[in-house]
N, C-alpha and C. Protein backbone atom coordinates (compact mmCIF):
# COMPACT_ATOMS: atom_id res chain seq x y z
N MET A 1 9.68 -0.65 1.22
CA MET A 1 8.92 0.45 0.65
C MET A 1 7.44 0.14 0.84
N SER A 2 6.69 1.14 1.16
CA SER A 2 5.26 0.98 1.39
C SER A 2 4.47 1.08 0.10
N ARG A 3 3.37 0.36 0.05
CA ARG A 3 2.44 0.42 -1.07
C ARG A 3 1.23 1.24 -0.63
N VAL A 4 0.62 1.93 -1.56
CA VAL A 4 -0.52 2.80 -1.29
C VAL A 4 -1.64 2.46 -2.26
N THR A 5 -2.86 2.34 -1.74
CA THR A 5 -4.04 2.15 -2.58
C THR A 5 -4.65 3.51 -2.84
N MET A 6 -4.99 3.77 -4.11
CA MET A 6 -5.53 5.08 -4.48
C MET A 6 -6.78 4.91 -5.32
N THR A 7 -7.66 5.92 -5.25
CA THR A 7 -8.86 5.95 -6.07
C THR A 7 -8.93 7.29 -6.79
N HIS A 8 -9.70 7.30 -7.86
CA HIS A 8 -9.90 8.53 -8.63
C HIS A 8 -11.40 8.70 -8.81
N PRO A 9 -11.92 9.91 -8.64
CA PRO A 9 -13.37 10.12 -8.74
C PRO A 9 -13.96 9.77 -10.11
N GLU A 10 -13.15 9.74 -11.14
CA GLU A 10 -13.65 9.45 -12.49
C GLU A 10 -13.30 8.05 -12.98
N VAL A 11 -12.67 7.24 -12.11
CA VAL A 11 -12.26 5.88 -12.49
C VAL A 11 -12.83 4.90 -11.47
N ASP A 12 -13.45 3.82 -11.95
CA ASP A 12 -14.08 2.84 -11.06
C ASP A 12 -13.07 1.93 -10.37
N GLN A 13 -11.90 1.82 -10.92
CA GLN A 13 -10.90 0.88 -10.43
C GLN A 13 -9.93 1.55 -9.46
N GLN A 14 -9.53 0.82 -8.41
CA GLN A 14 -8.48 1.29 -7.52
C GLN A 14 -7.12 0.88 -8.09
N ILE A 15 -6.09 1.61 -7.70
CA ILE A 15 -4.74 1.24 -8.10
C ILE A 15 -3.87 1.13 -6.87
N GLU A 16 -2.78 0.39 -6.99
CA GLU A 16 -1.81 0.27 -5.91
C GLU A 16 -0.46 0.70 -6.44
N VAL A 17 0.15 1.68 -5.76
CA VAL A 17 1.43 2.24 -6.22
C VAL A 17 2.40 2.33 -5.07
N GLU A 18 3.67 2.49 -5.39
CA GLU A 18 4.67 2.74 -4.36
C GLU A 18 4.43 4.11 -3.74
N GLU A 19 4.67 4.23 -2.46
CA GLU A 19 4.41 5.48 -1.75
C GLU A 19 5.16 6.66 -2.36
N VAL A 20 6.33 6.43 -2.90
CA VAL A 20 7.12 7.49 -3.50
C VAL A 20 6.41 8.12 -4.71
N SER A 21 5.49 7.39 -5.32
CA SER A 21 4.77 7.87 -6.50
C SER A 21 3.50 8.66 -6.18
N VAL A 22 3.12 8.74 -4.91
CA VAL A 22 1.87 9.38 -4.52
C VAL A 22 1.76 10.83 -5.02
N PRO A 23 2.75 11.69 -4.86
CA PRO A 23 2.60 13.07 -5.35
C PRO A 23 2.27 13.16 -6.83
N HIS A 24 2.86 12.29 -7.63
CA HIS A 24 2.59 12.26 -9.06
C HIS A 24 1.12 11.96 -9.34
N TYR A 25 0.60 10.94 -8.67
CA TYR A 25 -0.80 10.56 -8.87
C TYR A 25 -1.76 11.60 -8.29
N GLN A 26 -1.41 12.17 -7.14
CA GLN A 26 -2.28 13.19 -6.55
C GLN A 26 -2.41 14.40 -7.46
N ALA A 27 -1.37 14.72 -8.19
CA ALA A 27 -1.41 15.85 -9.12
C ALA A 27 -2.41 15.60 -10.25
N SER A 28 -2.73 14.31 -10.48
CA SER A 28 -3.69 13.96 -11.53
C SER A 28 -5.08 13.68 -10.97
N GLY A 29 -5.28 13.95 -9.69
CA GLY A 29 -6.59 13.79 -9.09
C GLY A 29 -6.81 12.52 -8.30
N TRP A 30 -5.82 11.65 -8.20
CA TRP A 30 -5.94 10.42 -7.42
C TRP A 30 -5.87 10.76 -5.94
N GLN A 31 -6.57 9.96 -5.12
CA GLN A 31 -6.61 10.18 -3.67
C GLN A 31 -6.19 8.90 -2.95
N VAL A 32 -5.40 9.06 -1.88
CA VAL A 32 -4.95 7.92 -1.09
C VAL A 32 -6.13 7.37 -0.29
N THR A 33 -6.34 6.05 -0.38
CA THR A 33 -7.39 5.42 0.42
C THR A 33 -6.81 4.58 1.55
N SER A 34 -5.62 4.00 1.34
CA SER A 34 -4.98 3.24 2.41
C SER A 34 -3.49 3.08 2.12
N ARG A 35 -2.74 2.92 3.17
CA ARG A 35 -1.30 2.67 3.06
C ARG A 35 -1.01 1.32 3.69
N GLN A 36 -0.11 0.58 3.08
CA GLN A 36 0.24 -0.73 3.61
C GLN A 36 1.73 -0.93 3.51
N ASP A 37 2.36 -1.06 4.67
CA ASP A 37 3.77 -1.40 4.70
C ASP A 37 3.88 -2.87 4.36
N LYS A 38 4.73 -3.23 3.42
CA LYS A 38 4.77 -4.61 2.95
C LYS A 38 5.16 -5.59 4.05
N THR A 39 5.72 -5.13 5.15
CA THR A 39 6.10 -6.03 6.25
C THR A 39 4.94 -6.29 7.19
N THR A 40 3.76 -5.70 6.95
CA THR A 40 2.63 -5.93 7.83
C THR A 40 1.61 -6.90 7.23
N THR A 41 1.97 -7.59 6.17
CA THR A 41 1.06 -8.56 5.57
C THR A 41 0.96 -9.78 6.48
N ALA A 42 -0.06 -10.57 6.30
CA ALA A 42 -0.25 -11.77 7.12
C ALA A 42 0.94 -12.72 7.01
N ALA A 43 1.48 -12.86 5.81
CA ALA A 43 2.63 -13.75 5.63
C ALA A 43 3.83 -13.28 6.43
N ALA A 44 4.07 -11.99 6.45
CA ALA A 44 5.20 -11.45 7.20
C ALA A 44 4.99 -11.65 8.69
N LYS A 45 3.77 -11.47 9.17
CA LYS A 45 3.49 -11.68 10.58
C LYS A 45 3.75 -13.13 10.96
N GLY A 46 3.37 -14.05 10.10
CA GLY A 46 3.63 -15.46 10.36
C GLY A 46 5.11 -15.78 10.43
N ARG A 47 5.88 -15.16 9.54
CA ARG A 47 7.34 -15.38 9.56
C ARG A 47 7.94 -14.84 10.84
N ARG A 48 7.44 -13.72 11.33
CA ARG A 48 7.97 -13.15 12.57
C ARG A 48 7.69 -14.07 13.75
N ARG A 49 6.50 -14.63 13.81
CA ARG A 49 6.15 -15.53 14.91
C ARG A 49 7.05 -16.77 14.90
N LYS A 50 7.25 -17.35 13.74
CA LYS A 50 8.09 -18.55 13.65
C LYS A 50 9.51 -18.25 14.08
N GLY A 51 10.02 -17.09 13.70
CA GLY A 51 11.37 -16.70 14.05
C GLY A 51 11.56 -16.48 15.54
N SER A 52 10.52 -16.07 16.25
CA SER A 52 10.65 -15.77 17.67
C SER A 52 10.43 -16.99 18.55
N GLU A 53 9.99 -18.13 17.96
CA GLU A 53 9.74 -19.32 18.76
C GLU A 53 11.03 -20.06 19.11
N GLY A 54 12.09 -19.80 18.35
CA GLY A 54 13.41 -20.28 18.52
C GLY A 54 13.67 -21.62 18.91
């Protein structure tokens, strides 16, 4: 499941939520700033490289 970073014009803090929750937050004025698939983190990339060295 992908994580999404969101901001709100009246809140100084960003939040990170599951992508499935985006419509709920957008209805309250939150805006998507970035999407991150959890398999694209640096740690996951490192695991993929080690696995392919065989």
